[in-house]
N, C-alpha and C. Protein backbone atom coordinates (compact mmCIF):
# COMPACT_ATOMS: atom_id res chain seq x y z
N UNK A 1 -14.38 -1.48 -32.42
CA UNK A 1 -13.22 -0.13 -32.26
C UNK A 1 -13.19 0.26 -33.54
N UNK A 2 -13.03 1.52 -33.36
CA UNK A 2 -13.01 2.29 -34.62
C UNK A 2 -11.88 3.58 -34.35
N UNK A 3 -11.14 3.90 -35.42
CA UNK A 3 -10.27 4.93 -35.48
C UNK A 3 -11.03 6.08 -36.04
N UNK A 4 -11.18 7.32 -35.42
CA UNK A 4 -11.90 8.34 -36.01
C UNK A 4 -10.73 9.43 -35.92
N UNK A 5 -10.67 9.89 -37.30
CA UNK A 5 -9.74 11.05 -37.17
C UNK A 5 -10.24 12.27 -37.14
N UNK A 6 -11.75 12.52 -37.21
CA UNK A 6 -12.44 13.77 -36.83
C UNK A 6 -13.05 13.67 -35.49
N UNK A 7 -12.51 14.39 -34.31
CA UNK A 7 -13.17 14.26 -33.20
C UNK A 7 -14.83 14.64 -33.30
N UNK A 8 -15.10 15.49 -34.35
CA UNK A 8 -16.57 15.87 -34.16
C UNK A 8 -17.44 14.64 -34.63
N UNK A 9 -16.86 13.47 -34.93
CA UNK A 9 -17.64 12.35 -35.47
C UNK A 9 -17.72 11.37 -34.29
N UNK A 10 -17.00 11.72 -33.12
CA UNK A 10 -16.93 10.56 -32.05
C UNK A 10 -18.28 10.16 -31.59
N UNK A 11 -19.13 11.15 -31.39
CA UNK A 11 -20.55 10.92 -30.92
C UNK A 11 -21.32 10.15 -31.87
N UNK A 12 -21.13 10.72 -33.22
CA UNK A 12 -22.06 9.76 -34.14
C UNK A 12 -21.48 8.22 -34.18
N UNK A 13 -20.29 8.07 -34.07
CA UNK A 13 -19.84 6.64 -33.94
C UNK A 13 -20.37 5.95 -32.81
N UNK A 14 -20.40 6.61 -31.73
CA UNK A 14 -20.85 5.94 -30.50
C UNK A 14 -22.29 5.86 -30.92
N UNK A 15 -23.24 6.66 -31.51
CA UNK A 15 -24.55 6.31 -31.72
C UNK A 15 -24.87 5.27 -32.66
N UNK A 16 -23.77 4.84 -33.53
CA UNK A 16 -24.02 3.56 -34.47
C UNK A 16 -23.68 2.51 -33.92
N UNK A 17 -23.29 2.33 -32.40
CA UNK A 17 -23.09 1.21 -31.56
C UNK A 17 -21.63 0.63 -31.69
N UNK A 18 -20.78 1.56 -32.04
CA UNK A 18 -19.46 1.31 -32.16
C UNK A 18 -19.03 1.37 -30.54
N UNK A 19 -18.34 0.20 -29.97
CA UNK A 19 -18.11 0.20 -28.65
C UNK A 19 -17.09 1.24 -28.36
N UNK A 20 -16.03 1.40 -28.86
CA UNK A 20 -15.00 2.01 -28.59
C UNK A 20 -14.31 2.87 -29.78
N UNK A 21 -14.00 4.07 -29.55
CA UNK A 21 -13.39 5.07 -30.52
C UNK A 21 -12.34 5.56 -30.22
N UNK A 22 -11.24 5.56 -31.11
CA UNK A 22 -10.03 6.24 -30.78
C UNK A 22 -9.88 7.47 -31.74
N UNK A 23 -9.55 8.65 -31.17
CA UNK A 23 -9.17 9.51 -31.81
C UNK A 23 -7.84 10.13 -31.48
N UNK A 24 -6.96 9.85 -32.48
CA UNK A 24 -5.62 10.07 -32.33
C UNK A 24 -5.06 11.46 -31.76
N UNK A 25 -5.89 12.49 -32.63
CA UNK A 25 -5.50 13.85 -32.04
C UNK A 25 -5.83 14.15 -30.71
N UNK A 26 -7.24 13.81 -30.23
CA UNK A 26 -7.47 14.01 -28.64
C UNK A 26 -6.59 13.20 -28.03
N UNK A 27 -6.00 11.88 -28.19
CA UNK A 27 -5.40 11.21 -27.32
C UNK A 27 -4.00 11.79 -27.28
N UNK A 28 -3.37 12.41 -28.42
CA UNK A 28 -2.19 13.03 -28.28
C UNK A 28 -2.23 14.31 -27.37
N UNK A 29 -3.45 15.11 -27.78
CA UNK A 29 -3.32 16.35 -26.82
C UNK A 29 -3.59 16.09 -25.23
N UNK A 30 -4.36 15.03 -24.96
CA UNK A 30 -4.48 14.36 -23.51
C UNK A 30 -3.14 14.29 -22.95
N UNK A 31 -2.34 13.32 -23.77
CA UNK A 31 -1.17 12.96 -23.32
C UNK A 31 0.06 14.16 -23.15
N UNK A 32 0.00 15.14 -24.07
CA UNK A 32 0.80 16.44 -24.04
C UNK A 32 0.35 17.14 -22.76
N UNK A 33 -1.13 17.37 -22.77
CA UNK A 33 -1.48 18.25 -21.59
C UNK A 33 -1.10 17.27 -20.07
N UNK A 34 -1.21 16.26 -19.88
CA UNK A 34 -0.90 15.38 -18.91
C UNK A 34 0.55 15.82 -18.52
N UNK A 35 1.45 15.89 -19.56
CA UNK A 35 2.96 15.80 -19.33
C UNK A 35 3.15 17.21 -18.99
N UNK A 36 2.56 18.17 -19.56
CA UNK A 36 2.79 19.54 -19.41
C UNK A 36 2.36 20.06 -17.83
N UNK A 37 1.33 19.40 -17.32
CA UNK A 37 0.71 19.78 -16.26
C UNK A 37 1.70 19.22 -14.91
N UNK A 38 1.94 19.97 -13.86
CA UNK A 38 2.79 19.32 -12.96
C UNK A 38 1.73 18.62 -12.00
N UNK A 39 2.23 18.05 -10.88
CA UNK A 39 1.56 17.28 -9.79
C UNK A 39 1.51 15.94 -10.15
N UNK A 40 0.47 15.39 -9.52
CA UNK A 40 0.17 13.86 -9.44
C UNK A 40 -0.99 13.58 -10.28
N UNK A 41 -1.02 14.23 -11.48
CA UNK A 41 -2.09 13.91 -12.16
C UNK A 41 -2.20 12.62 -13.02
N UNK A 42 -3.37 11.85 -12.75
CA UNK A 42 -3.39 10.53 -13.39
C UNK A 42 -4.08 10.62 -14.78
N UNK A 43 -5.09 11.47 -14.88
CA UNK A 43 -5.58 11.56 -16.08
C UNK A 43 -6.22 12.94 -16.30
N UNK A 44 -6.26 13.47 -17.66
CA UNK A 44 -6.66 14.91 -17.79
C UNK A 44 -7.26 14.87 -18.99
N UNK A 45 -8.56 15.63 -19.26
CA UNK A 45 -9.35 15.60 -20.42
C UNK A 45 -9.98 17.14 -20.71
N UNK A 46 -10.01 17.55 -21.99
CA UNK A 46 -10.63 18.84 -22.00
C UNK A 46 -12.03 18.40 -22.41
N UNK A 47 -12.79 19.08 -21.84
CA UNK A 47 -14.44 18.96 -22.58
C UNK A 47 -14.54 19.79 -23.75
N UNK A 48 -14.79 19.07 -24.91
CA UNK A 48 -14.80 19.75 -26.41
C UNK A 48 -15.88 20.76 -26.22
N UNK A 49 -15.57 21.90 -26.71
CA UNK A 49 -16.33 22.98 -27.17
C UNK A 49 -16.31 24.09 -25.90
N UNK A 50 -15.58 23.75 -24.84
CA UNK A 50 -15.71 24.58 -23.53
C UNK A 50 -14.42 24.99 -22.82
N UNK A 51 -13.33 24.29 -23.24
CA UNK A 51 -12.01 24.34 -22.81
C UNK A 51 -12.13 24.27 -21.31
N UNK A 52 -13.16 23.53 -20.61
CA UNK A 52 -13.00 23.11 -19.44
C UNK A 52 -12.34 21.85 -19.28
N UNK A 53 -11.81 21.53 -18.17
CA UNK A 53 -10.98 20.42 -18.01
C UNK A 53 -11.47 19.38 -16.98
N UNK A 54 -11.36 17.97 -17.03
CA UNK A 54 -11.71 17.13 -16.02
C UNK A 54 -10.37 16.44 -15.77
N UNK A 55 -9.92 16.52 -14.43
CA UNK A 55 -8.67 15.86 -14.20
C UNK A 55 -8.97 14.88 -12.96
N UNK A 56 -8.04 13.75 -13.04
CA UNK A 56 -8.08 12.77 -11.91
C UNK A 56 -6.65 13.02 -11.17
N UNK A 57 -6.43 13.12 -10.00
CA UNK A 57 -5.20 13.35 -9.37
C UNK A 57 -5.24 12.46 -7.98
N UNK A 58 -4.09 11.88 -7.78
CA UNK A 58 -3.90 11.19 -6.49
C UNK A 58 -3.31 11.97 -5.42
N UNK A 59 -3.78 12.00 -4.13
CA UNK A 59 -3.15 12.51 -3.10
C UNK A 59 -2.06 11.77 -2.51
N UNK A 60 -0.80 12.30 -2.80
CA UNK A 60 0.25 11.47 -2.56
C UNK A 60 1.15 12.02 -1.26
N UNK A 61 0.94 12.98 -0.69
CA UNK A 61 1.69 13.56 0.38
C UNK A 61 0.89 14.33 1.43
N UNK A 62 1.48 14.22 2.62
CA UNK A 62 0.65 14.91 3.70
C UNK A 62 0.67 16.44 3.52
N UNK A 63 -0.40 16.98 3.72
CA UNK A 63 -0.78 18.53 3.66
C UNK A 63 -1.65 18.91 4.74
N UNK A 64 -1.94 20.28 4.72
CA UNK A 64 -3.06 20.65 5.76
C UNK A 64 -4.40 20.49 5.13
N UNK A 65 -4.46 19.90 3.93
CA UNK A 65 -5.90 19.65 3.46
C UNK A 65 -6.45 18.36 3.86
N UNK A 66 -5.41 17.36 4.45
CA UNK A 66 -6.12 16.03 4.82
C UNK A 66 -6.99 16.12 6.12
N UNK A 67 -7.71 15.07 5.89
CA UNK A 67 -8.74 15.08 7.15
C UNK A 67 -9.56 16.26 7.65
N UNK A 68 -9.68 17.12 6.75
CA UNK A 68 -10.45 18.28 6.90
C UNK A 68 -11.69 18.38 6.14
N UNK A 69 -12.80 18.52 6.61
CA UNK A 69 -14.16 18.56 5.85
C UNK A 69 -13.84 19.57 4.85
N UNK A 70 -14.39 19.08 3.66
CA UNK A 70 -14.20 20.07 2.46
C UNK A 70 -14.97 21.47 2.66
N UNK A 71 -15.89 21.29 3.64
CA UNK A 71 -16.52 22.69 3.70
C UNK A 71 -15.73 23.68 4.21
N UNK A 72 -14.59 23.29 4.94
CA UNK A 72 -13.83 23.97 5.73
C UNK A 72 -12.48 24.55 4.86
N UNK A 73 -12.46 23.85 3.68
CA UNK A 73 -11.33 24.27 2.96
C UNK A 73 -11.71 25.23 1.85
N UNK A 74 -10.61 26.13 1.53
CA UNK A 74 -10.92 27.14 0.48
C UNK A 74 -10.53 26.61 -0.84
N UNK A 75 -11.52 25.75 -1.35
CA UNK A 75 -11.23 25.15 -2.83
C UNK A 75 -11.12 26.31 -3.88
N UNK A 76 -10.33 26.23 -4.87
CA UNK A 76 -10.41 27.48 -5.78
C UNK A 76 -12.15 27.54 -6.57
N UNK A 77 -12.28 28.63 -6.60
CA UNK A 77 -13.50 29.14 -7.45
C UNK A 77 -13.46 28.61 -8.95
N UNK A 78 -14.48 28.15 -9.62
CA UNK A 78 -14.47 27.69 -10.99
C UNK A 78 -14.06 26.27 -11.05
N UNK A 79 -14.17 25.40 -9.76
CA UNK A 79 -13.57 23.98 -9.82
C UNK A 79 -14.44 23.38 -8.73
N UNK A 80 -14.56 22.03 -9.00
CA UNK A 80 -15.44 21.28 -7.93
C UNK A 80 -14.88 19.97 -8.05
N UNK A 81 -15.00 19.28 -6.84
CA UNK A 81 -14.54 17.97 -6.73
C UNK A 81 -15.74 17.09 -6.94
N UNK A 82 -15.91 16.33 -7.89
CA UNK A 82 -17.18 15.62 -8.24
C UNK A 82 -16.93 14.18 -7.79
N UNK A 83 -15.79 13.65 -7.33
CA UNK A 83 -15.80 12.24 -6.99
C UNK A 83 -14.50 12.22 -6.00
N UNK A 84 -14.45 11.15 -5.21
CA UNK A 84 -13.53 10.93 -4.38
C UNK A 84 -13.38 9.29 -4.37
N UNK A 85 -12.32 8.86 -4.77
CA UNK A 85 -12.13 7.50 -4.93
C UNK A 85 -11.12 6.87 -3.88
N UNK A 86 -11.68 6.03 -2.93
CA UNK A 86 -10.67 5.50 -1.79
C UNK A 86 -10.59 4.15 -1.93
N UNK A 87 -9.54 3.28 -2.44
CA UNK A 87 -9.58 2.01 -2.78
C UNK A 87 -10.60 1.69 -3.66
N UNK A 88 -11.37 0.68 -3.48
CA UNK A 88 -12.56 0.13 -4.38
C UNK A 88 -14.02 1.17 -4.11
N UNK A 89 -13.73 1.95 -3.21
CA UNK A 89 -15.02 2.63 -2.75
C UNK A 89 -15.07 4.24 -3.52
N UNK A 90 -16.25 4.48 -4.21
CA UNK A 90 -16.33 5.80 -4.87
C UNK A 90 -17.30 6.57 -4.01
N UNK A 91 -17.06 7.86 -3.81
CA UNK A 91 -17.97 8.79 -3.20
C UNK A 91 -18.14 9.94 -3.80
N UNK A 92 -19.38 10.38 -4.05
CA UNK A 92 -19.51 11.90 -4.36
C UNK A 92 -19.67 12.51 -3.10
N UNK A 93 -18.58 13.57 -3.10
CA UNK A 93 -18.56 14.32 -1.90
C UNK A 93 -19.59 15.34 -1.46
N UNK A 94 -19.46 15.42 -0.14
CA UNK A 94 -20.44 16.56 0.49
C UNK A 94 -19.45 17.22 1.37
N UNK A 95 -20.08 18.34 2.05
CA UNK A 95 -19.17 19.25 2.80
C UNK A 95 -18.53 18.56 3.80
N UNK A 96 -19.07 17.47 4.40
CA UNK A 96 -18.53 16.56 5.20
C UNK A 96 -17.40 15.73 5.10
N UNK A 97 -17.33 15.46 3.71
CA UNK A 97 -16.10 14.53 3.19
C UNK A 97 -14.79 15.08 3.36
N UNK A 98 -13.86 14.16 3.72
CA UNK A 98 -12.58 14.63 3.57
C UNK A 98 -11.35 13.88 2.70
N UNK A 99 -10.46 14.42 2.57
CA UNK A 99 -9.38 13.75 1.86
C UNK A 99 -8.12 12.96 2.61
N UNK A 100 -7.79 11.94 2.04
CA UNK A 100 -6.74 11.06 2.76
C UNK A 100 -5.62 10.77 1.86
N UNK A 101 -4.37 10.57 2.34
CA UNK A 101 -3.36 10.08 1.40
C UNK A 101 -3.81 9.03 0.82
N UNK A 102 -3.60 8.97 -0.61
CA UNK A 102 -3.98 7.59 -1.65
C UNK A 102 -5.18 7.93 -2.26
N UNK A 103 -5.99 8.78 -1.83
CA UNK A 103 -7.32 9.11 -2.55
C UNK A 103 -7.14 9.49 -3.82
N UNK A 104 -7.98 9.11 -4.84
CA UNK A 104 -7.98 9.73 -5.89
C UNK A 104 -9.11 10.88 -6.03
N UNK A 105 -9.03 12.02 -6.63
CA UNK A 105 -10.00 12.94 -6.70
C UNK A 105 -10.44 13.19 -8.24
N UNK A 106 -11.60 13.36 -8.55
CA UNK A 106 -11.80 13.78 -9.90
C UNK A 106 -12.38 15.15 -9.87
N UNK A 107 -12.01 16.23 -10.50
CA UNK A 107 -11.98 17.68 -10.52
C UNK A 107 -12.55 18.15 -11.73
N UNK A 108 -13.67 18.79 -11.78
CA UNK A 108 -14.15 19.54 -12.91
C UNK A 108 -13.66 20.94 -12.79
N UNK A 109 -13.03 21.71 -13.89
CA UNK A 109 -12.39 22.76 -13.66
C UNK A 109 -12.75 23.74 -14.85
N UNK A 110 -13.17 24.98 -14.56
CA UNK A 110 -13.58 25.90 -15.69
C UNK A 110 -12.19 26.43 -16.22
N UNK A 111 -12.30 27.15 -17.38
CA UNK A 111 -11.22 27.66 -17.82
C UNK A 111 -10.43 28.52 -16.99
N UNK A 112 -8.98 28.65 -16.77
CA UNK A 112 -8.53 29.60 -15.91
C UNK A 112 -8.42 29.06 -14.41
N UNK A 113 -9.01 27.97 -14.02
CA UNK A 113 -8.84 27.76 -12.59
C UNK A 113 -8.00 26.49 -12.43
N UNK A 114 -7.73 25.93 -13.42
CA UNK A 114 -6.82 24.57 -13.20
C UNK A 114 -5.50 24.84 -12.76
N UNK A 115 -4.90 25.95 -12.87
CA UNK A 115 -3.59 26.47 -12.05
C UNK A 115 -3.82 26.49 -10.51
N UNK A 116 -5.00 27.11 -10.47
CA UNK A 116 -5.45 27.23 -8.81
C UNK A 116 -5.51 25.93 -8.22
N UNK A 117 -6.22 24.98 -8.86
CA UNK A 117 -6.61 23.87 -8.36
C UNK A 117 -5.26 23.02 -8.06
N UNK A 118 -4.24 23.14 -9.19
CA UNK A 118 -3.07 22.44 -9.01
C UNK A 118 -2.23 22.91 -7.69
N UNK A 119 -2.21 24.42 -7.58
CA UNK A 119 -1.44 24.89 -6.37
C UNK A 119 -1.96 24.47 -5.14
N UNK A 120 -3.39 24.37 -5.21
CA UNK A 120 -4.44 23.85 -3.96
C UNK A 120 -3.74 22.31 -3.41
N UNK A 121 -3.40 21.56 -4.37
CA UNK A 121 -2.99 20.26 -4.03
C UNK A 121 -1.45 20.17 -3.79
N UNK A 122 -0.79 21.27 -4.04
CA UNK A 122 0.68 21.09 -3.87
C UNK A 122 1.10 21.20 -2.57
């Protein structure tokens, strides 16, 4: 494990065979983003150099999006559901996939689309 003060060195440390690297600035930024964002966000990370974000959130309440095929939902442009985690099962979703209370979803969002994604799940 290594403490890396310059985030741009994270990839180099990984290439040197270091199993785990901690970048305090990135960890603090992630914690602040998670706090500032509303909703049931479990984790949130910014993709370095792109301002795109990856977030994981849990479906905690009943809404009109449940049990509806993803192909029938109007998911915000600039974002995509990359995975659905249901209990111990992981699924790469298709248009036939649907969401249930308790599911965790991993979403990739381009800059400017995260607020729309949050509103979609409210």
